[in-house]
Full PDB file with SEQRES, HELIX, SHEET, SSBOND, CRYST1, ORIGX, SCALE, CONECT and MASTER records, all heavy atoms in Angstrom:
SEQRES   1 A   34  MET VAL SER THR GLU LEU VAL ASP SER THR ILE GLN TYR          
SEQRES   2 A   34  GLN LYS LYS TYR HIS LYS ILE ALA ASP PHE SER LEU THR          
SEQRES   3 A   34  ASN GLN ASN GLY LYS THR ILE THR                              
HELIX    1 AA1 THR A    4  LEU A    6  5                                   3    
HELIX    2 AA2 SER A    9  ILE A   11  5                                   3    
SHEET    1 AA1 2 LEU A  25  THR A  26  0                                        
SHEET    2 AA1 2 THR A  32  ILE A  33 -1                                        
CRYST1    1.000    1.000    1.000  90.00  90.00  90.00 P 1           1          
ORIGX1      1.000000  0.000000  0.000000        0.00000                         
ORIGX2      0.000000  1.000000  0.000000        0.00000                         
ORIGX3      0.000000  0.000000  1.000000        0.00000                         
SCALE1      1.000000  0.000000  0.000000        0.00000                         
SCALE2      0.000000  1.000000  0.000000        0.00000                         
SCALE3      0.000000  0.000000  1.000000        0.00000                         
ATOM      1  N   MET A   1     -38.760  15.236 -18.680  1.00  0.00           N  
ATOM      2  CA  MET A   1     -38.284  14.613 -19.922  1.00  0.00           C  
ATOM      3  C   MET A   1     -38.869  15.208 -21.193  1.00  0.00           C  
ATOM      4  O   MET A   1     -38.430  14.915 -22.278  1.00  0.00           O  
ATOM      5  CB  MET A   1     -38.584  13.089 -19.881  1.00  0.00           C  
ATOM      6  CG  MET A   1     -37.918  12.363 -18.735  1.00  0.00           C  
ATOM      7  SD  MET A   1     -38.697  10.667 -18.517  1.00  0.00           S  
ATOM      8  CE  MET A   1     -38.275   9.933 -20.078  1.00  0.00           C  
ATOM      9  N   VAL A   2     -39.847  16.057 -21.018  1.00  0.00           N  
ATOM     10  CA  VAL A   2     -40.619  16.669 -22.151  1.00  0.00           C  
ATOM     11  C   VAL A   2     -40.197  18.103 -22.291  1.00  0.00           C  
ATOM     12  O   VAL A   2     -39.834  18.771 -21.369  1.00  0.00           O  
ATOM     13  CB  VAL A   2     -42.090  16.526 -21.902  1.00  0.00           C  
ATOM     14  CG1 VAL A   2     -42.903  17.087 -23.071  1.00  0.00           C  
ATOM     15  CG2 VAL A   2     -42.449  15.037 -21.667  1.00  0.00           C  
ATOM     16  N   SER A   3     -40.204  18.572 -23.554  1.00  0.00           N  
ATOM     17  CA  SER A   3     -39.936  19.952 -23.850  1.00  0.00           C  
ATOM     18  C   SER A   3     -40.668  20.861 -22.924  1.00  0.00           C  
ATOM     19  O   SER A   3     -41.904  20.714 -22.712  1.00  0.00           O  
ATOM     20  CB  SER A   3     -40.275  20.299 -25.307  1.00  0.00           C  
ATOM     21  OG  SER A   3     -40.191  21.703 -25.524  1.00  0.00           O  
ATOM     22  N   THR A   4     -39.987  21.874 -22.361  1.00  0.00           N  
ATOM     23  CA  THR A   4     -40.672  22.829 -21.423  1.00  0.00           C  
ATOM     24  C   THR A   4     -41.800  23.535 -22.106  1.00  0.00           C  
ATOM     25  O   THR A   4     -42.714  24.067 -21.420  1.00  0.00           O  
ATOM     26  CB  THR A   4     -39.640  23.818 -20.886  1.00  0.00           C  
ATOM     27  OG1 THR A   4     -38.976  24.500 -21.995  1.00  0.00           O  
ATOM     28  CG2 THR A   4     -38.597  23.170 -20.026  1.00  0.00           C  
ATOM     29  N   GLU A   5     -41.798  23.652 -23.448  1.00  0.00           N  
ATOM     30  CA  GLU A   5     -42.892  24.259 -24.157  1.00  0.00           C  
ATOM     31  C   GLU A   5     -44.214  23.528 -23.916  1.00  0.00           C  
ATOM     32  O   GLU A   5     -45.287  24.094 -24.026  1.00  0.00           O  
ATOM     33  CB  GLU A   5     -42.584  24.258 -25.695  1.00  0.00           C  
ATOM     34  CG  GLU A   5     -41.524  25.211 -26.125  1.00  0.00           C  
ATOM     35  CD  GLU A   5     -41.368  25.183 -27.609  1.00  0.00           C  
ATOM     36  OE1 GLU A   5     -41.583  24.087 -28.220  1.00  0.00           O  
ATOM     37  OE2 GLU A   5     -41.057  26.230 -28.214  1.00  0.00           O  
ATOM     38  N   LEU A   6     -44.131  22.271 -23.640  1.00  0.00           N  
ATOM     39  CA  LEU A   6     -45.320  21.399 -23.493  1.00  0.00           C  
ATOM     40  C   LEU A   6     -45.741  21.152 -22.049  1.00  0.00           C  
ATOM     41  O   LEU A   6     -46.734  20.516 -21.806  1.00  0.00           O  
ATOM     42  CB  LEU A   6     -45.106  20.055 -24.184  1.00  0.00           C  
ATOM     43  CG  LEU A   6     -44.904  20.076 -25.714  1.00  0.00           C  
ATOM     44  CD1 LEU A   6     -44.517  18.715 -26.204  1.00  0.00           C  
ATOM     45  CD2 LEU A   6     -46.258  20.444 -26.402  1.00  0.00           C  
ATOM     46  N   VAL A   7     -44.954  21.692 -21.128  1.00  0.00           N  
ATOM     47  CA  VAL A   7     -45.193  21.391 -19.741  1.00  0.00           C  
ATOM     48  C   VAL A   7     -45.614  22.642 -18.964  1.00  0.00           C  
ATOM     49  O   VAL A   7     -44.900  23.685 -19.011  1.00  0.00           O  
ATOM     50  CB  VAL A   7     -43.936  20.752 -19.073  1.00  0.00           C  
ATOM     51  CG1 VAL A   7     -44.183  20.375 -17.625  1.00  0.00           C  
ATOM     52  CG2 VAL A   7     -43.502  19.510 -19.854  1.00  0.00           C  
ATOM     53  N   ASP A   8     -46.677  22.537 -18.237  1.00  0.00           N  
ATOM     54  CA  ASP A   8     -47.147  23.627 -17.401  1.00  0.00           C  
ATOM     55  C   ASP A   8     -46.080  23.945 -16.377  1.00  0.00           C  
ATOM     56  O   ASP A   8     -45.418  23.058 -15.826  1.00  0.00           O  
ATOM     57  CB  ASP A   8     -48.440  23.300 -16.674  1.00  0.00           C  
ATOM     58  CG  ASP A   8     -49.067  24.432 -15.954  1.00  0.00           C  
ATOM     59  OD1 ASP A   8     -48.762  24.587 -14.741  1.00  0.00           O  
ATOM     60  OD2 ASP A   8     -49.871  25.118 -16.567  1.00  0.00           O  
ATOM     61  N   SER A   9     -45.874  25.239 -16.075  1.00  0.00           N  
ATOM     62  CA  SER A   9     -44.800  25.680 -15.198  1.00  0.00           C  
ATOM     63  C   SER A   9     -44.926  25.046 -13.823  1.00  0.00           C  
ATOM     64  O   SER A   9     -43.879  24.923 -13.136  1.00  0.00           O  
ATOM     65  CB  SER A   9     -44.777  27.220 -15.106  1.00  0.00           C  
ATOM     66  OG  SER A   9     -46.061  27.684 -14.582  1.00  0.00           O  
ATOM     67  N   THR A  10     -46.150  24.688 -13.378  1.00  0.00           N  
ATOM     68  CA  THR A  10     -46.311  24.163 -12.054  1.00  0.00           C  
ATOM     69  C   THR A  10     -45.736  22.751 -11.900  1.00  0.00           C  
ATOM     70  O   THR A  10     -45.560  22.261 -10.773  1.00  0.00           O  
ATOM     71  CB  THR A  10     -47.800  24.120 -11.641  1.00  0.00           C  
ATOM     72  OG1 THR A  10     -48.497  23.324 -12.602  1.00  0.00           O  
ATOM     73  CG2 THR A  10     -48.379  25.570 -11.682  1.00  0.00           C  
ATOM     74  N   ILE A  11     -45.501  22.067 -13.040  1.00  0.00           N  
ATOM     75  CA  ILE A  11     -45.013  20.674 -12.917  1.00  0.00           C  
ATOM     76  C   ILE A  11     -43.725  20.476 -13.694  1.00  0.00           C  
ATOM     77  O   ILE A  11     -43.237  19.319 -13.896  1.00  0.00           O  
ATOM     78  CB  ILE A  11     -46.082  19.648 -13.384  1.00  0.00           C  
ATOM     79  CG1 ILE A  11     -46.532  19.938 -14.833  1.00  0.00           C  
ATOM     80  CG2 ILE A  11     -47.250  19.633 -12.470  1.00  0.00           C  
ATOM     81  CD1 ILE A  11     -47.419  18.860 -15.395  1.00  0.00           C  
ATOM     82  N   GLN A  12     -43.073  21.530 -14.138  1.00  0.00           N  
ATOM     83  CA  GLN A  12     -41.910  21.389 -15.050  1.00  0.00           C  
ATOM     84  C   GLN A  12     -40.741  20.608 -14.400  1.00  0.00           C  
ATOM     85  O   GLN A  12     -39.946  20.004 -15.083  1.00  0.00           O  
ATOM     86  CB  GLN A  12     -41.379  22.768 -15.493  1.00  0.00           C  
ATOM     87  CG  GLN A  12     -42.154  23.310 -16.671  1.00  0.00           C  
ATOM     88  CD  GLN A  12     -41.643  24.696 -17.084  1.00  0.00           C  
ATOM     89  OE1 GLN A  12     -40.684  25.190 -16.499  1.00  0.00           O  
ATOM     90  NE2 GLN A  12     -42.218  25.233 -18.124  1.00  0.00           N  
ATOM     91  N   TYR A  13     -40.676  20.651 -13.056  1.00  0.00           N  
ATOM     92  CA  TYR A  13     -39.562  19.971 -12.395  1.00  0.00           C  
ATOM     93  C   TYR A  13     -39.896  18.627 -11.787  1.00  0.00           C  
ATOM     94  O   TYR A  13     -39.076  18.087 -11.072  1.00  0.00           O  
ATOM     95  CB  TYR A  13     -38.993  20.960 -11.319  1.00  0.00           C  
ATOM     96  CG  TYR A  13     -38.596  22.251 -11.818  1.00  0.00           C  
ATOM     97  CD1 TYR A  13     -39.379  23.378 -11.719  1.00  0.00           C  
ATOM     98  CD2 TYR A  13     -37.405  22.390 -12.576  1.00  0.00           C  
ATOM     99  CE1 TYR A  13     -39.011  24.621 -12.240  1.00  0.00           C  
ATOM    100  CE2 TYR A  13     -37.029  23.634 -13.161  1.00  0.00           C  
ATOM    101  CZ  TYR A  13     -37.854  24.720 -12.975  1.00  0.00           C  
ATOM    102  OH  TYR A  13     -37.466  25.946 -13.527  1.00  0.00           O  
ATOM    103  N   GLN A  14     -41.005  18.111 -12.159  1.00  0.00           N  
ATOM    104  CA  GLN A  14     -41.471  16.823 -11.608  1.00  0.00           C  
ATOM    105  C   GLN A  14     -40.697  15.690 -12.361  1.00  0.00           C  
ATOM    106  O   GLN A  14     -40.757  15.594 -13.592  1.00  0.00           O  
ATOM    107  CB  GLN A  14     -42.972  16.608 -11.819  1.00  0.00           C  
ATOM    108  CG  GLN A  14     -43.496  15.377 -11.211  1.00  0.00           C  
ATOM    109  CD  GLN A  14     -44.985  15.239 -11.347  1.00  0.00           C  
ATOM    110  OE1 GLN A  14     -45.722  16.275 -11.335  1.00  0.00           O  
ATOM    111  NE2 GLN A  14     -45.525  14.081 -11.426  1.00  0.00           N  
ATOM    112  N   LYS A  15     -39.992  14.901 -11.637  1.00  0.00           N  
ATOM    113  CA  LYS A  15     -39.129  13.889 -12.210  1.00  0.00           C  
ATOM    114  C   LYS A  15     -39.717  12.461 -12.118  1.00  0.00           C  
ATOM    115  O   LYS A  15     -39.253  11.515 -12.760  1.00  0.00           O  
ATOM    116  CB  LYS A  15     -37.756  13.817 -11.462  1.00  0.00           C  
ATOM    117  CG  LYS A  15     -36.957  15.108 -11.682  1.00  0.00           C  
ATOM    118  CD  LYS A  15     -35.635  15.018 -10.936  1.00  0.00           C  
ATOM    119  CE  LYS A  15     -34.804  16.283 -11.136  1.00  0.00           C  
ATOM    120  NZ  LYS A  15     -33.470  16.177 -10.431  1.00  0.00           N  
ATOM    121  N   LYS A  16     -40.772  12.252 -11.315  1.00  0.00           N  
ATOM    122  CA  LYS A  16     -41.356  10.906 -11.239  1.00  0.00           C  
ATOM    123  C   LYS A  16     -42.811  11.042 -10.721  1.00  0.00           C  
ATOM    124  O   LYS A  16     -43.277  12.102 -10.309  1.00  0.00           O  
ATOM    125  CB  LYS A  16     -40.554  10.039 -10.310  1.00  0.00           C  
ATOM    126  CG  LYS A  16     -40.310  10.649  -8.900  1.00  0.00           C  
ATOM    127  CD  LYS A  16     -39.351   9.703  -8.112  1.00  0.00           C  
ATOM    128  CE  LYS A  16     -39.051  10.304  -6.774  1.00  0.00           C  
ATOM    129  NZ  LYS A  16     -38.174   9.385  -5.982  1.00  0.00           N  
ATOM    130  N   TYR A  17     -43.467   9.898 -10.840  1.00  0.00           N  
ATOM    131  CA  TYR A  17     -44.866   9.754 -10.347  1.00  0.00           C  
ATOM    132  C   TYR A  17     -45.929  10.483 -11.211  1.00  0.00           C  
ATOM    133  O   TYR A  17     -47.040  10.675 -10.697  1.00  0.00           O  
ATOM    134  CB  TYR A  17     -45.015  10.145  -8.863  1.00  0.00           C  
ATOM    135  CG  TYR A  17     -44.030   9.466  -7.938  1.00  0.00           C  
ATOM    136  CD1 TYR A  17     -43.278  10.206  -7.052  1.00  0.00           C  
ATOM    137  CD2 TYR A  17     -43.885   8.085  -7.984  1.00  0.00           C  
ATOM    138  CE1 TYR A  17     -42.378   9.580  -6.195  1.00  0.00           C  
ATOM    139  CE2 TYR A  17     -42.993   7.429  -7.142  1.00  0.00           C  
ATOM    140  CZ  TYR A  17     -42.262   8.189  -6.237  1.00  0.00           C  
ATOM    141  OH  TYR A  17     -41.338   7.563  -5.355  1.00  0.00           O  
ATOM    142  N   HIS A  18     -45.594  10.946 -12.399  1.00  0.00           N  
ATOM    143  CA  HIS A  18     -46.571  11.664 -13.196  1.00  0.00           C  
ATOM    144  C   HIS A  18     -47.589  10.674 -13.754  1.00  0.00           C  
ATOM    145  O   HIS A  18     -47.286   9.679 -14.343  1.00  0.00           O  
ATOM    146  CB  HIS A  18     -45.963  12.380 -14.364  1.00  0.00           C  
ATOM    147  CG  HIS A  18     -46.927  13.143 -15.219  1.00  0.00           C  
ATOM    148  ND1 HIS A  18     -47.438  14.322 -14.731  1.00  0.00           N  
ATOM    149  CD2 HIS A  18     -47.474  12.954 -16.410  1.00  0.00           C  
ATOM    150  CE1 HIS A  18     -48.324  14.820 -15.665  1.00  0.00           C  
ATOM    151  NE2 HIS A  18     -48.361  13.962 -16.673  1.00  0.00           N  
ATOM    152  N   LYS A  19     -48.859  10.931 -13.511  1.00  0.00           N  
ATOM    153  CA  LYS A  19     -49.981  10.132 -13.991  1.00  0.00           C  
ATOM    154  C   LYS A  19     -51.111  10.980 -14.531  1.00  0.00           C  
ATOM    155  O   LYS A  19     -51.198  12.172 -14.178  1.00  0.00           O  
ATOM    156  CB  LYS A  19     -50.531   9.220 -12.865  1.00  0.00           C  
ATOM    157  CG  LYS A  19     -49.543   8.148 -12.372  1.00  0.00           C  
ATOM    158  CD  LYS A  19     -50.188   7.249 -11.314  1.00  0.00           C  
ATOM    159  CE  LYS A  19     -49.214   6.186 -10.788  1.00  0.00           C  
ATOM    160  NZ  LYS A  19     -48.823   5.227 -11.844  1.00  0.00           N  
ATOM    161  N   ILE A  20     -51.916  10.414 -15.366  1.00  0.00           N  
ATOM    162  CA  ILE A  20     -53.083  11.077 -15.913  1.00  0.00           C  
ATOM    163  C   ILE A  20     -54.067  11.305 -14.775  1.00  0.00           C  
ATOM    164  O   ILE A  20     -54.420  10.340 -14.019  1.00  0.00           O  
ATOM    165  CB  ILE A  20     -53.733  10.318 -17.042  1.00  0.00           C  
ATOM    166  CG1 ILE A  20     -52.684   9.978 -18.127  1.00  0.00           C  
ATOM    167  CG2 ILE A  20     -54.903  11.104 -17.659  1.00  0.00           C  
ATOM    168  CD1 ILE A  20     -51.945  11.164 -18.688  1.00  0.00           C  
ATOM    169  N   ALA A  21     -54.551  12.558 -14.609  1.00  0.00           N  
ATOM    170  CA  ALA A  21     -55.519  12.843 -13.576  1.00  0.00           C  
ATOM    171  C   ALA A  21     -56.857  12.246 -13.768  1.00  0.00           C  
ATOM    172  O   ALA A  21     -57.243  11.813 -14.913  1.00  0.00           O  
ATOM    173  CB  ALA A  21     -55.666  14.387 -13.462  1.00  0.00           C  
ATOM    174  N   ASP A  22     -57.638  12.085 -12.729  1.00  0.00           N  
ATOM    175  CA  ASP A  22     -59.015  11.642 -12.848  1.00  0.00           C  
ATOM    176  C   ASP A  22     -59.826  12.617 -13.714  1.00  0.00           C  
ATOM    177  O   ASP A  22     -59.541  13.826 -13.680  1.00  0.00           O  
ATOM    178  CB  ASP A  22     -59.676  11.486 -11.427  1.00  0.00           C  
ATOM    179  CG  ASP A  22     -59.083  10.368 -10.596  1.00  0.00           C  
ATOM    180  OD1 ASP A  22     -58.558   9.434 -11.214  1.00  0.00           O  
ATOM    181  OD2 ASP A  22     -59.154  10.453  -9.389  1.00  0.00           O  
ATOM    182  N   PHE A  23     -60.822  12.109 -14.385  1.00  0.00           N  
ATOM    183  CA  PHE A  23     -61.651  12.979 -15.206  1.00  0.00           C  
ATOM    184  C   PHE A  23     -63.068  12.437 -15.241  1.00  0.00           C  
ATOM    185  O   PHE A  23     -63.315  11.247 -14.943  1.00  0.00           O  
ATOM    186  CB  PHE A  23     -61.114  13.093 -16.614  1.00  0.00           C  
ATOM    187  CG  PHE A  23     -60.956  11.806 -17.364  1.00  0.00           C  
ATOM    188  CD1 PHE A  23     -62.001  11.234 -18.012  1.00  0.00           C  
ATOM    189  CD2 PHE A  23     -59.709  11.169 -17.402  1.00  0.00           C  
ATOM    190  CE1 PHE A  23     -61.888  10.071 -18.698  1.00  0.00           C  
ATOM    191  CE2 PHE A  23     -59.574   9.980 -18.093  1.00  0.00           C  
ATOM    192  CZ  PHE A  23     -60.655   9.411 -18.758  1.00  0.00           C  
ATOM    193  N   SER A  24     -64.005  13.335 -15.603  1.00  0.00           N  
ATOM    194  CA  SER A  24     -65.394  12.940 -15.765  1.00  0.00           C  
ATOM    195  C   SER A  24     -65.989  13.746 -16.939  1.00  0.00           C  
ATOM    196  O   SER A  24     -66.162  14.985 -16.811  1.00  0.00           O  
ATOM    197  CB  SER A  24     -66.210  13.197 -14.500  1.00  0.00           C  
ATOM    198  OG  SER A  24     -67.584  12.763 -14.708  1.00  0.00           O  
ATOM    199  N   LEU A  25     -66.161  13.105 -18.086  1.00  0.00           N  
ATOM    200  CA  LEU A  25     -66.603  13.802 -19.272  1.00  0.00           C  
ATOM    201  C   LEU A  25     -67.724  12.984 -19.909  1.00  0.00           C  
ATOM    202  O   LEU A  25     -68.097  11.891 -19.434  1.00  0.00           O  
ATOM    203  CB  LEU A  25     -65.437  13.925 -20.240  1.00  0.00           C  
ATOM    204  CG  LEU A  25     -64.249  14.797 -19.737  1.00  0.00           C  
ATOM    205  CD1 LEU A  25     -62.998  14.587 -20.514  1.00  0.00           C  
ATOM    206  CD2 LEU A  25     -64.660  16.260 -19.701  1.00  0.00           C  
ATOM    207  N   THR A  26     -68.329  13.506 -20.956  1.00  0.00           N  
ATOM    208  CA  THR A  26     -69.500  12.869 -21.577  1.00  0.00           C  
ATOM    209  C   THR A  26     -69.168  12.466 -23.040  1.00  0.00           C  
ATOM    210  O   THR A  26     -68.655  13.289 -23.782  1.00  0.00           O  
ATOM    211  CB  THR A  26     -70.702  13.809 -21.563  1.00  0.00           C  
ATOM    212  OG1 THR A  26     -70.932  14.257 -20.246  1.00  0.00           O  
ATOM    213  CG2 THR A  26     -71.951  13.136 -22.054  1.00  0.00           C  
ATOM    214  N   ASN A  27     -69.509  11.245 -23.401  1.00  0.00           N  
ATOM    215  CA  ASN A  27     -69.203  10.775 -24.739  1.00  0.00           C  
ATOM    216  C   ASN A  27     -70.313  10.998 -25.761  1.00  0.00           C  
ATOM    217  O   ASN A  27     -71.397  11.589 -25.433  1.00  0.00           O  
ATOM    218  CB  ASN A  27     -68.715   9.313 -24.724  1.00  0.00           C  
ATOM    219  CG  ASN A  27     -69.880   8.324 -24.634  1.00  0.00           C  
ATOM    220  OD1 ASN A  27     -71.042   8.650 -24.389  1.00  0.00           O  
ATOM    221  ND2 ASN A  27     -69.560   7.073 -24.700  1.00  0.00           N  
ATOM    222  N   GLN A  28     -70.099  10.477 -26.962  1.00  0.00           N  
ATOM    223  CA  GLN A  28     -71.056  10.684 -28.061  1.00  0.00           C  
ATOM    224  C   GLN A  28     -72.416  10.032 -27.826  1.00  0.00           C  
ATOM    225  O   GLN A  28     -73.362  10.357 -28.571  1.00  0.00           O  
ATOM    226  CB  GLN A  28     -70.450  10.176 -29.390  1.00  0.00           C  
ATOM    227  CG  GLN A  28     -70.217   8.609 -29.409  1.00  0.00           C  
ATOM    228  CD  GLN A  28     -68.836   8.171 -28.934  1.00  0.00           C  
ATOM    229  OE1 GLN A  28     -68.212   8.885 -28.189  1.00  0.00           O  
ATOM    230  NE2 GLN A  28     -68.346   7.090 -29.443  1.00  0.00           N  
ATOM    231  N   ASN A  29     -72.540   9.170 -26.853  1.00  0.00           N  
ATOM    232  CA  ASN A  29     -73.777   8.563 -26.541  1.00  0.00           C  
ATOM    233  C   ASN A  29     -74.448   9.102 -25.276  1.00  0.00           C  
ATOM    234  O   ASN A  29     -75.469   8.578 -24.805  1.00  0.00           O  
ATOM    235  CB  ASN A  29     -73.595   7.025 -26.382  1.00  0.00           C  
ATOM    236  CG  ASN A  29     -73.106   6.370 -27.700  1.00  0.00           C  
ATOM    237  OD1 ASN A  29     -73.638   6.703 -28.716  1.00  0.00           O  
ATOM    238  ND2 ASN A  29     -72.100   5.543 -27.568  1.00  0.00           N  
ATOM    239  N   GLY A  30     -73.844  10.213 -24.780  1.00  0.00           N  
ATOM    240  CA  GLY A  30     -74.367  10.817 -23.554  1.00  0.00           C  
ATOM    241  C   GLY A  30     -73.987  10.084 -22.283  1.00  0.00           C  
ATOM    242  O   GLY A  30     -74.519  10.388 -21.184  1.00  0.00           O  
ATOM    243  N   LYS A  31     -73.045   9.171 -22.409  1.00  0.00           N  
ATOM    244  CA  LYS A  31     -72.602   8.411 -21.207  1.00  0.00           C  
ATOM    245  C   LYS A  31     -71.446   9.137 -20.543  1.00  0.00           C  
ATOM    246  O   LYS A  31     -70.573   9.692 -21.216  1.00  0.00           O  
ATOM    247  CB  LYS A  31     -72.131   7.015 -21.674  1.00  0.00           C  
ATOM    248  CG  LYS A  31     -71.553   6.149 -20.551  1.00  0.00           C  
ATOM    249  CD  LYS A  31     -70.971   4.904 -21.072  1.00  0.00           C  
ATOM    250  CE  LYS A  31     -70.251   4.102 -19.972  1.00  0.00           C  
ATOM    251  NZ  LYS A  31     -69.564   2.862 -20.446  1.00  0.00           N  
ATOM    252  N   THR A  32     -71.449   9.094 -19.231  1.00  0.00           N  
ATOM    253  CA  THR A  32     -70.333   9.700 -18.453  1.00  0.00           C  
ATOM    254  C   THR A  32     -69.151   8.749 -18.559  1.00  0.00           C  
ATOM    255  O   THR A  32     -69.235   7.572 -18.237  1.00  0.00           O  
ATOM    256  CB  THR A  32     -70.746   9.889 -17.007  1.00  0.00           C  
ATOM    257  OG1 THR A  32     -71.853  10.811 -16.934  1.00  0.00           O  
ATOM    258  CG2 THR A  32     -69.574  10.454 -16.186  1.00  0.00           C  
ATOM    259  N   ILE A  33     -68.018   9.308 -18.968  1.00  0.00           N  
ATOM    260  CA  ILE A  33     -66.806   8.574 -19.152  1.00  0.00           C  
ATOM    261  C   ILE A  33     -65.790   9.056 -18.112  1.00  0.00           C  
ATOM    262  O   ILE A  33     -65.537  10.211 -17.984  1.00  0.00           O  
ATOM    263  CB  ILE A  33     -66.198   8.733 -20.585  1.00  0.00           C  
ATOM    264  CG1 ILE A  33     -67.194   8.262 -21.642  1.00  0.00           C  
ATOM    265  CG2 ILE A  33     -64.861   8.018 -20.693  1.00  0.00           C  
ATOM    266  CD1 ILE A  33     -67.498   6.798 -21.591  1.00  0.00           C  
ATOM    267  N   THR A  34     -65.270   8.094 -17.346  1.00  0.00           N  
ATOM    268  CA  THR A  34     -64.261   8.446 -16.341  1.00  0.00           C  
ATOM    269  C   THR A  34     -62.997   7.522 -16.501  1.00  0.00           C  
ATOM    270  O   THR A  34     -62.994   6.678 -17.420  1.00  0.00           O  
ATOM    271  CB  THR A  34     -64.791   8.154 -14.945  1.00  0.00           C  
ATOM    272  OG1 THR A  34     -64.950   6.764 -14.685  1.00  0.00           O  
ATOM    273  CG2 THR A  34     -66.171   8.869 -14.692  1.00  0.00           C  
TER     274      THR A  34                                                      
MASTER        0    0    0    2    2    0    0    6  273    1    0    3          
END                                                                             
């Protein structure tokens, strides 16, 4: 549903079930954010 310019070629044909992947990063207080 999104412009192909914004979609990685590996998922361009995905029509359903798209979700934000798990992540583990660090915030401004040094806390791990997931």
